[in-house]
Amino acid sequence: MTRFAVAWLLLVALLAACHRGDGALQDDGFRRRLARGCGSEPDCLVLELEAQARVDRCASTCEEAEADLRASRSLVAPHRQRREARQAQIAAQRQALEAAEAERRRAELEAAEEARRQDEAAHAASLELAAAELACAQQGDAAACDALLRYLAGADAMDARDERAAQVRASHEKGRRLIAERGAARERSREAAETPTSARPGGRSGARPGQRPAPEGRVCCCDGTLSPTCTYVKRGCCSHHGGVCACP
């Protein structure tokens, strides 16, 4: 009987302790703090951790503790979303800056490459221009002179006072004079070939007898001199002076 009474007292004490534990879970002030909310994500995380600990400690009637845990998690969610949104915005800005820097470097490389190509093209054009100057001014090459003329047309459009343009203009004029002189010489040669000898001033007579008296006893040579040996026209007269021509 005594043993039964002692066991009963121990059971009652255990039940009282459990009741006090659940009561402490209910009256620890957590729900009031939860109702006030939290102003930052770290504060909300503290509430969430505390709520999780209360659920872990709960021995009975845990529905309210679990409801408090869900409520604390709902307080954390907006702060977490705002933080993740800020992080995403910062990451997007960083990516935009990196992309802009990459584009700037690419543009610089392209500009440098374009400048290199332009320098090479300008150098090649300068060499071609110098070669055209030589061919036009010294050889009278018509194609080279035309190339100089095209350069001068562009130079005049840019700056008529360009010193290089003045040099090219002088070479072009020299070449054109050379071409004109060469053309005039060809024209004279063509006309001379087409004109009969008897029609030339001071030309020879077409029909000449083997021997005939020369006017006033003179024989005129085609180089403008008088024959030193002949007093009338015969074979061999003026043989070293271009032949016999009519005297003026």
C-alpha atoms as a PDB file:
ATOM      1  CA  MET A   1       0.000   0.000   0.000  1.00  0.00           C
ATOM      2  CA  THR A   2       2.809   2.369   0.897  1.00  0.00           C
ATOM      3  CA  ARG A   3       4.619   1.527  -2.319  1.00  0.00           C
ATOM      4  CA  PHE A   4       1.464   2.224  -4.338  1.00  0.00           C
ATOM      5  CA  ALA A   5       1.062   5.608  -2.696  1.00  0.00           C
ATOM      6  CA  VAL A   6       4.664   6.579  -3.446  1.00  0.00           C
ATOM      7  CA  ALA A   7       4.271   5.574  -7.087  1.00  0.00           C
ATOM      8  CA  TRP A   8       1.108   7.611  -7.352  1.00  0.00           C
ATOM      9  CA  LEU A   9       2.806  10.667  -5.912  1.00  0.00           C
ATOM     10  CA  LEU A  10       5.679  10.320  -8.397  1.00  0.00           C
ATOM     11  CA  LEU A  11       3.206  10.107 -11.319  1.00  0.00           C
ATOM     12  CA  VAL A  12       1.390  13.209 -10.129  1.00  0.00           C
ATOM     13  CA  ALA A  13       4.698  15.093  -9.855  1.00  0.00           C
ATOM     14  CA  LEU A  14       5.682  14.094 -13.403  1.00  0.00           C
ATOM     15  CA  LEU A  15       2.322  15.193 -14.782  1.00  0.00           C
ATOM     16  CA  ALA A  16       2.673  18.512 -12.953  1.00  0.00           C
ATOM     17  CA  ALA A  17       6.144  19.005 -14.411  1.00  0.00           C
ATOM     18  CA  CYS A  18       4.890  18.290 -17.916  1.00  0.00           C
ATOM     19  CA  HIS A  19       2.061  20.711 -17.416  1.00  0.00           C
ATOM     20  CA  ARG A  20       4.460  23.376 -16.218  1.00  0.00           C
ATOM     21  CA  GLY A  21       6.688  22.701 -19.285  1.00  0.00           C
ATOM     22  CA  ASP A  22       3.800  23.146 -21.718  1.00  0.00           C
ATOM     23  CA  GLY A  23       2.680  26.169 -19.786  1.00  0.00           C
ATOM     24  CA  ALA A  24       6.156  27.680 -20.048  1.00  0.00           C
ATOM     25  CA  LEU A  25       6.012  27.004 -23.794  1.00  0.00           C
ATOM     26  CA  GLN A  26       2.762  28.910 -23.968  1.00  0.00           C
ATOM     27  CA  ASP A  27       3.693  31.788 -21.681  1.00  0.00           C
ATOM     28  CA  ASP A  28       7.348  32.513 -22.617  1.00  0.00           C
ATOM     29  CA  GLY A  29       6.423  35.749 -24.395  1.00  0.00           C
ATOM     30  CA  PHE A  30       7.346  34.421 -27.841  1.00  0.00           C
ATOM     31  CA  ARG A  31       3.914  34.963 -29.326  1.00  0.00           C
ATOM     32  CA  ARG A  32       3.962  38.616 -28.255  1.00  0.00           C
ATOM     33  CA  ARG A  33       7.346  39.097 -29.961  1.00  0.00           C
ATOM     34  CA  LEU A  34       6.025  37.277 -32.991  1.00  0.00           C
ATOM     35  CA  ALA A  35       3.034  39.622 -33.095  1.00  0.00           C
ATOM     36  CA  ARG A  36       5.331  42.660 -33.036  1.00  0.00           C
ATOM     37  CA  GLY A  37       7.150  41.273 -36.065  1.00  0.00           C
ATOM     38  CA  CYS A  38      10.754  41.928 -37.066  1.00  0.00           C
ATOM     39  CA  GLY A  39      12.442  44.760 -38.895  1.00  0.00           C
ATOM     40  CA  SER A  40      15.220  42.876 -40.666  1.00  0.00           C
ATOM     41  CA  GLU A  41      15.995  39.474 -42.034  1.00  0.00           C
ATOM     42  CA  PRO A  42      18.466  38.601 -39.241  1.00  0.00           C
ATOM     43  CA  ASP A  43      15.836  39.463 -36.589  1.00  0.00           C
ATOM     44  CA  CYS A  44      13.260  37.374 -38.405  1.00  0.00           C
ATOM     45  CA  LEU A  45      15.717  34.494 -38.654  1.00  0.00           C
ATOM     46  CA  VAL A  46      16.185  34.656 -34.883  1.00  0.00           C
ATOM     47  CA  LEU A  47      12.412  34.368 -34.424  1.00  0.00           C
ATOM     48  CA  GLU A  48      12.305  31.456 -36.858  1.00  0.00           C
ATOM     49  CA  LEU A  49      15.076  29.628 -35.020  1.00  0.00           C
ATOM     50  CA  GLU A  50      13.389  30.198 -31.693  1.00  0.00           C
ATOM     51  CA  ALA A  51      10.079  28.955 -33.075  1.00  0.00           C
ATOM     52  CA  GLN A  52      11.807  25.838 -34.410  1.00  0.00           C
ATOM     53  CA  ALA A  53      13.351  25.243 -30.988  1.00  0.00           C
ATOM     54  CA  ARG A  54       9.918  25.564 -29.362  1.00  0.00           C
ATOM     55  CA  VAL A  55       8.541  22.964 -31.751  1.00  0.00           C
ATOM     56  CA  ASP A  56      11.470  20.684 -30.962  1.00  0.00           C
ATOM     57  CA  ARG A  57      10.878  21.080 -27.224  1.00  0.00           C
ATOM     58  CA  CYS A  58       7.138  20.623 -27.466  1.00  0.00           C
ATOM     59  CA  ALA A  59       5.876  17.415 -25.826  1.00  0.00           C
ATOM     60  CA  SER A  60       2.123  17.905 -26.296  1.00  0.00           C
ATOM     61  CA  THR A  61      -0.310  20.379 -27.881  1.00  0.00           C
ATOM     62  CA  CYS A  62       2.304  21.289 -30.496  1.00  0.00           C
ATOM     63  CA  GLU A  63      -0.181  22.728 -32.997  1.00  0.00           C
ATOM     64  CA  GLU A  64       0.234  26.242 -31.671  1.00  0.00           C
ATOM     65  CA  ALA A  65       4.055  25.969 -31.687  1.00  0.00           C
ATOM     66  CA  GLU A  66       3.965  24.736 -35.275  1.00  0.00           C
ATOM     67  CA  ALA A  67       1.609  27.592 -36.187  1.00  0.00           C
ATOM     68  CA  ASP A  68       4.092  30.007 -34.597  1.00  0.00           C
ATOM     69  CA  LEU A  69       6.889  28.438 -36.664  1.00  0.00           C
ATOM     70  CA  ARG A  70       4.918  28.952 -39.880  1.00  0.00           C
ATOM     71  CA  ALA A  71       4.162  32.532 -38.877  1.00  0.00           C
ATOM     72  CA  SER A  72       7.838  33.253 -38.178  1.00  0.00           C
ATOM     73  CA  ARG A  73       8.785  31.778 -41.531  1.00  0.00           C
ATOM     74  CA  SER A  74       6.232  34.019 -43.254  1.00  0.00           C
ATOM     75  CA  LEU A  75       7.971  36.994 -41.620  1.00  0.00           C
ATOM     76  CA  VAL A  76      11.348  35.879 -42.968  1.00  0.00           C
ATOM     77  CA  ALA A  77      10.114  35.372 -46.556  1.00  0.00           C
ATOM     78  CA  PRO A  78       9.615  39.056 -47.565  1.00  0.00           C
ATOM     79  CA  HIS A  79      13.027  40.039 -46.227  1.00  0.00           C
ATOM     80  CA  ARG A  80      14.627  37.105 -48.024  1.00  0.00           C
ATOM     81  CA  GLN A  81      12.866  38.023 -51.270  1.00  0.00           C
ATOM     82  CA  ARG A  82      14.006  41.642 -51.001  1.00  0.00           C
ATOM     83  CA  ARG A  83      17.566  40.529 -50.290  1.00  0.00           C
ATOM     84  CA  GLU A  84      17.578  38.138 -53.217  1.00  0.00           C
ATOM     85  CA  ALA A  85      16.113  40.847 -55.441  1.00  0.00           C
ATOM     86  CA  ARG A  86      18.876  43.254 -54.400  1.00  0.00           C
ATOM     87  CA  GLN A  87      21.481  40.593 -55.019  1.00  0.00           C
ATOM     88  CA  ALA A  88      20.008  39.868 -58.443  1.00  0.00           C
ATOM     89  CA  GLN A  89      20.013  43.597 -59.231  1.00  0.00           C
ATOM     90  CA  ILE A  90      23.639  43.934 -58.145  1.00  0.00           C
ATOM     91  CA  ALA A  91      24.567  40.879 -60.218  1.00  0.00           C
ATOM     92  CA  ALA A  92      22.741  42.314 -63.240  1.00  0.00           C
ATOM     93  CA  GLN A  93      24.524  45.644 -62.830  1.00  0.00           C
ATOM     94  CA  ARG A  94      27.861  43.875 -62.543  1.00  0.00           C
ATOM     95  CA  GLN A  95      27.126  41.854 -65.669  1.00  0.00           C
ATOM     96  CA  ALA A  96      26.099  45.023 -67.492  1.00  0.00           C
ATOM     97  CA  LEU A  97      29.329  46.725 -66.464  1.00  0.00           C
ATOM     98  CA  GLU A  98      31.360  43.711 -67.540  1.00  0.00           C
ATOM     99  CA  ALA A  99      29.524  43.590 -70.856  1.00  0.00           C
ATOM    100  CA  ALA A 100      30.084  47.326 -71.378  1.00  0.00           C
ATOM    101  CA  GLU A 101      33.779  46.927 -70.582  1.00  0.00           C
ATOM    102  CA  ALA A 102      34.049  43.989 -72.973  1.00  0.00           C
ATOM    103  CA  GLU A 103      32.302  46.021 -75.685  1.00  0.00           C
ATOM    104  CA  ARG A 104      34.625  48.952 -75.049  1.00  0.00           C
ATOM    105  CA  ARG A 105      37.686  46.719 -75.372  1.00  0.00           C
ATOM    106  CA  ARG A 106      36.257  45.155 -78.538  1.00  0.00           C
ATOM    107  CA  ALA A 107      35.592  48.600 -80.016  1.00  0.00           C
ATOM    108  CA  GLU A 108      39.130  49.699 -79.166  1.00  0.00           C
ATOM    109  CA  LEU A 109      40.588  46.618 -80.826  1.00  0.00           C
ATOM    110  CA  GLU A 110      38.450  47.135 -83.927  1.00  0.00           C
ATOM    111  CA  ALA A 111      39.424  50.815 -84.065  1.00  0.00           C
ATOM    112  CA  ALA A 112      43.095  49.906 -83.759  1.00  0.00           C
ATOM    113  CA  GLU A 113      42.754  47.294 -86.500  1.00  0.00           C
ATOM    114  CA  GLU A 114      40.927  49.748 -88.751  1.00  0.00           C
ATOM    115  CA  ALA A 115      43.614  52.364 -88.136  1.00  0.00           C
ATOM    116  CA  ARG A 116      46.269  49.787 -89.030  1.00  0.00           C
ATOM    117  CA  ARG A 117      44.466  48.902 -92.259  1.00  0.00           C
ATOM    118  CA  GLN A 118      44.093  52.576 -93.143  1.00  0.00           C
ATOM    119  CA  ASP A 119      47.785  53.204 -92.492  1.00  0.00           C
ATOM    120  CA  GLU A 120      48.729  50.260 -94.712  1.00  0.00           C
ATOM    121  CA  ALA A 121      46.359  51.452 -97.438  1.00  0.00           C
ATOM    122  CA  ALA A 122      47.740  54.999 -97.205  1.00  0.00           C
ATOM    123  CA  HIS A 123      51.311  53.679 -97.440  1.00  0.00           C
ATOM    124  CA  ALA A 124      50.453  51.541-100.458  1.00  0.00           C
ATOM    125  CA  ALA A 125      48.690  54.501-102.109  1.00  0.00           C
ATOM    126  CA  SER A 126      51.738  56.675-101.442  1.00  0.00           C
ATOM    127  CA  LEU A 127      54.012  54.127-103.131  1.00  0.00           C
ATOM    128  CA  GLU A 128      51.668  53.848-106.108  1.00  0.00           C
ATOM    129  CA  LEU A 129      51.508  57.632-106.395  1.00  0.00           C
ATOM    130  CA  ALA A 130      55.310  57.922-106.356  1.00  0.00           C
ATOM    131  CA  ALA A 131      55.595  55.250-109.051  1.00  0.00           C
ATOM    132  CA  ALA A 132      52.966  57.041-111.158  1.00  0.00           C
ATOM    133  CA  GLU A 133      54.879  60.300-110.806  1.00  0.00           C
ATOM    134  CA  LEU A 134      58.062  58.718-112.133  1.00  0.00           C
ATOM    135  CA  ALA A 135      56.288  56.986-115.017  1.00  0.00           C
ATOM    136  CA  CYS A 136      54.390  60.127-116.003  1.00  0.00           C
ATOM    137  CA  ALA A 137      57.149  62.732-115.639  1.00  0.00           C
ATOM    138  CA  GLN A 138      60.066  60.673-116.980  1.00  0.00           C
ATOM    139  CA  GLN A 139      58.437  58.302-119.453  1.00  0.00           C
ATOM    140  CA  GLY A 140      55.294  60.154-120.469  1.00  0.00           C
ATOM    141  CA  ASP A 141      53.111  57.170-119.529  1.00  0.00           C
ATOM    142  CA  ALA A 142      49.525  58.209-120.248  1.00  0.00           C
ATOM    143  CA  ALA A 143      47.957  55.806-117.748  1.00  0.00           C
ATOM    144  CA  ALA A 144      50.273  57.070-115.007  1.00  0.00           C
ATOM    145  CA  CYS A 145      49.438  60.668-115.868  1.00  0.00           C
ATOM    146  CA  ASP A 146      45.736  59.837-115.699  1.00  0.00           C
ATOM    147  CA  ALA A 147      46.315  58.366-112.211  1.00  0.00           C
ATOM    148  CA  LEU A 148      47.984  61.629-111.161  1.00  0.00           C
ATOM    149  CA  LEU A 149      45.043  63.559-112.546  1.00  0.00           C
ATOM    150  CA  ARG A 150      42.614  61.497-110.461  1.00  0.00           C
ATOM    151  CA  TYR A 151      44.714  62.147-107.369  1.00  0.00           C
ATOM    152  CA  LEU A 152      44.740  65.867-108.113  1.00  0.00           C
ATOM    153  CA  ALA A 153      40.958  65.888-108.466  1.00  0.00           C
ATOM    154  CA  GLY A 154      40.636  64.459-104.965  1.00  0.00           C
ATOM    155  CA  ALA A 155      43.364  66.703-103.567  1.00  0.00           C
ATOM    156  CA  ASP A 156      41.701  69.801-104.997  1.00  0.00           C
ATOM    157  CA  ALA A 157      38.469  68.778-103.335  1.00  0.00           C
ATOM    158  CA  MET A 158      40.275  68.424 -99.977  1.00  0.00           C
ATOM    159  CA  ASP A 159      42.860  71.202 -99.976  1.00  0.00           C
ATOM    160  CA  ALA A 160      44.242  72.975-103.013  1.00  0.00           C
ATOM    161  CA  ARG A 161      47.210  74.213-100.932  1.00  0.00           C
ATOM    162  CA  ASP A 162      48.405  70.685-100.179  1.00  0.00           C
ATOM    163  CA  GLU A 163      52.174  70.588-100.745  1.00  0.00           C
ATOM    164  CA  ARG A 164      52.044  67.005-101.986  1.00  0.00           C
ATOM    165  CA  ALA A 165      49.374  67.973-104.490  1.00  0.00           C
ATOM    166  CA  ALA A 166      51.646  70.737-105.816  1.00  0.00           C
ATOM    167  CA  GLN A 167      54.440  68.214-106.395  1.00  0.00           C
ATOM    168  CA  VAL A 168      52.086  65.827-108.154  1.00  0.00           C
ATOM    169  CA  ARG A 169      50.711  68.659-110.278  1.00  0.00           C
ATOM    170  CA  ALA A 170      54.221  69.573-111.420  1.00  0.00           C
ATOM    171  CA  SER A 171      54.953  65.935-112.332  1.00  0.00           C
ATOM    172  CA  HIS A 172      51.653  65.703-114.215  1.00  0.00           C
ATOM    173  CA  GLU A 173      52.363  68.867-116.209  1.00  0.00           C
ATOM    174  CA  LYS A 174      55.835  67.605-117.088  1.00  0.00           C
ATOM    175  CA  GLY A 175      54.430  64.312-118.236  1.00  0.00           C
ATOM    176  CA  ARG A 176      51.713  65.956-120.332  1.00  0.00           C
ATOM    177  CA  ARG A 177      54.312  68.126-122.057  1.00  0.00           C
ATOM    178  CA  LEU A 178      56.374  65.032-122.771  1.00  0.00           C
ATOM    179  CA  ILE A 179      53.324  63.270-124.208  1.00  0.00           C
ATOM    180  CA  ALA A 180      52.438  66.332-126.324  1.00  0.00           C
ATOM    181  CA  GLU A 181      55.973  66.609-127.694  1.00  0.00           C
ATOM    182  CA  ARG A 182      56.049  62.929-128.512  1.00  0.00           C
ATOM    183  CA  GLY A 183      52.686  63.207-130.253  1.00  0.00           C
ATOM    184  CA  ALA A 184      53.817  66.219-132.253  1.00  0.00           C
ATOM    185  CA  ALA A 185      56.951  64.368-133.356  1.00  0.00           C
ATOM    186  CA  ARG A 186      54.862  61.422-134.518  1.00  0.00           C
ATOM    187  CA  GLU A 187      52.552  63.769-136.415  1.00  0.00           C
ATOM    188  CA  ARG A 188      55.487  65.418-138.179  1.00  0.00           C
ATOM    189  CA  SER A 189      56.895  62.025-139.099  1.00  0.00           C
ATOM    190  CA  ARG A 190      53.512  60.930-140.448  1.00  0.00           C
ATOM    191  CA  GLU A 191      53.085  64.102-142.498  1.00  0.00           C
ATOM    192  CA  ALA A 192      56.630  63.797-143.832  1.00  0.00           C
ATOM    193  CA  ALA A 193      55.961  60.222-144.874  1.00  0.00           C
ATOM    194  CA  GLU A 194      52.739  61.195-146.649  1.00  0.00           C
ATOM    195  CA  THR A 195      54.162  64.292-148.488  1.00  0.00           C
ATOM    196  CA  PRO A 196      55.798  63.599-151.965  1.00  0.00           C
ATOM    197  CA  THR A 197      59.422  64.656-152.281  1.00  0.00           C
ATOM    198  CA  SER A 198      58.683  66.975-155.207  1.00  0.00           C
ATOM    199  CA  ALA A 199      56.067  68.827-153.098  1.00  0.00           C
ATOM    200  CA  ARG A 200      58.434  69.572-150.201  1.00  0.00           C
ATOM    201  CA  PRO A 201      60.028  73.002-150.017  1.00  0.00           C
ATOM    202  CA  GLY A 202      63.460  72.647-151.550  1.00  0.00           C
ATOM    203  CA  GLY A 203      62.643  69.067-152.585  1.00  0.00           C
ATOM    204  CA  ARG A 204      64.211  67.247-155.420  1.00  0.00           C
ATOM    205  CA  SER A 205      62.762  67.302-158.902  1.00  0.00           C
ATOM    206  CA  GLY A 206      60.908  64.127-159.797  1.00  0.00           C
ATOM    207  CA  ALA A 207      62.258  63.843-163.343  1.00  0.00           C
ATOM    208  CA  ARG A 208      65.893  64.640-163.748  1.00  0.00           C
ATOM    209  CA  PRO A 209      67.914  63.965-166.885  1.00  0.00           C
ATOM    210  CA  GLY A 210      71.288  62.393-166.549  1.00  0.00           C
ATOM    211  CA  GLN A 211      72.997  65.691-167.371  1.00  0.00           C
ATOM    212  CA  ARG A 212      71.513  69.175-167.593  1.00  0.00           C
ATOM    213  CA  PRO A 213      72.913  72.623-167.057  1.00  0.00           C
ATOM    214  CA  ALA A 214      72.404  74.063-163.624  1.00  0.00           C
ATOM    215  CA  PRO A 215      71.006  77.600-163.362  1.00  0.00           C
ATOM    216  CA  GLU A 216      73.872  80.024-163.611  1.00  0.00           C
ATOM    217  CA  GLY A 217      76.282  77.105-163.484  1.00  0.00           C
ATOM    218  CA  ARG A 218      75.383  76.079-159.911  1.00  0.00           C
ATOM    219  CA  VAL A 219      74.212  72.794-158.445  1.00  0.00           C
ATOM    220  CA  CYS A 220      72.267  73.116-155.151  1.00  0.00           C
ATOM    221  CA  CYS A 221      72.377  70.384-152.525  1.00  0.00           C
ATOM    222  CA  CYS A 222      69.448  69.447-150.283  1.00  0.00           C
ATOM    223  CA  ASP A 223      71.328  70.523-147.153  1.00  0.00           C
ATOM    224  CA  GLY A 224      71.295  74.100-148.470  1.00  0.00           C
ATOM    225  CA  THR A 225      74.877  74.171-149.773  1.00  0.00           C
ATOM    226  CA  LEU A 226      76.269  74.369-153.314  1.00  0.00           C
ATOM    227  CA  SER A 227      78.015  71.375-154.797  1.00  0.00           C
ATOM    228  CA  PRO A 228      81.753  72.027-154.575  1.00  0.00           C
ATOM    229  CA  THR A 229      82.512  69.961-157.700  1.00  0.00           C
ATOM    230  CA  CYS A 230      79.479  70.079-160.023  1.00  0.00           C
ATOM    231  CA  THR A 231      78.498  72.901-162.347  1.00  0.00           C
ATOM    232  CA  TYR A 232      75.602  70.889-163.778  1.00  0.00           C
ATOM    233  CA  VAL A 233      73.477  68.020-162.467  1.00  0.00           C
ATOM    234  CA  LYS A 234      74.979  64.615-162.920  1.00  0.00           C
ATOM    235  CA  ARG A 235      75.406  61.354-161.020  1.00  0.00           C
ATOM    236  CA  GLY A 236      77.357  61.786-157.774  1.00  0.00           C
ATOM    237  CA  CYS A 237      76.570  65.435-157.228  1.00  0.00           C
ATOM    238  CA  CYS A 238      75.888  66.353-153.580  1.00  0.00           C
ATOM    239  CA  SER A 239      76.317  62.717-152.595  1.00  0.00           C
ATOM    240  CA  HIS A 240      77.407  63.762-149.099  1.00  0.00           C
ATOM    241  CA  HIS A 241      74.939  66.632-148.781  1.00  0.00           C
ATOM    242  CA  GLY A 242      71.577  64.927-148.984  1.00  0.00           C
ATOM    243  CA  GLY A 243      71.354  64.825-152.753  1.00  0.00           C
ATOM    244  CA  VAL A 244      70.512  67.482-155.349  1.00  0.00           C
ATOM    245  CA  CYS A 245      67.567  69.830-154.764  1.00  0.00           C
ATOM    246  CA  ALA A 246      66.123  72.733-156.739  1.00  0.00           C
ATOM    247  CA  CYS A 247      67.924  75.962-156.166  1.00  0.00           C
ATOM    248  CA  PRO A 248      65.907  78.778-154.658  1.00  0.00           C
END
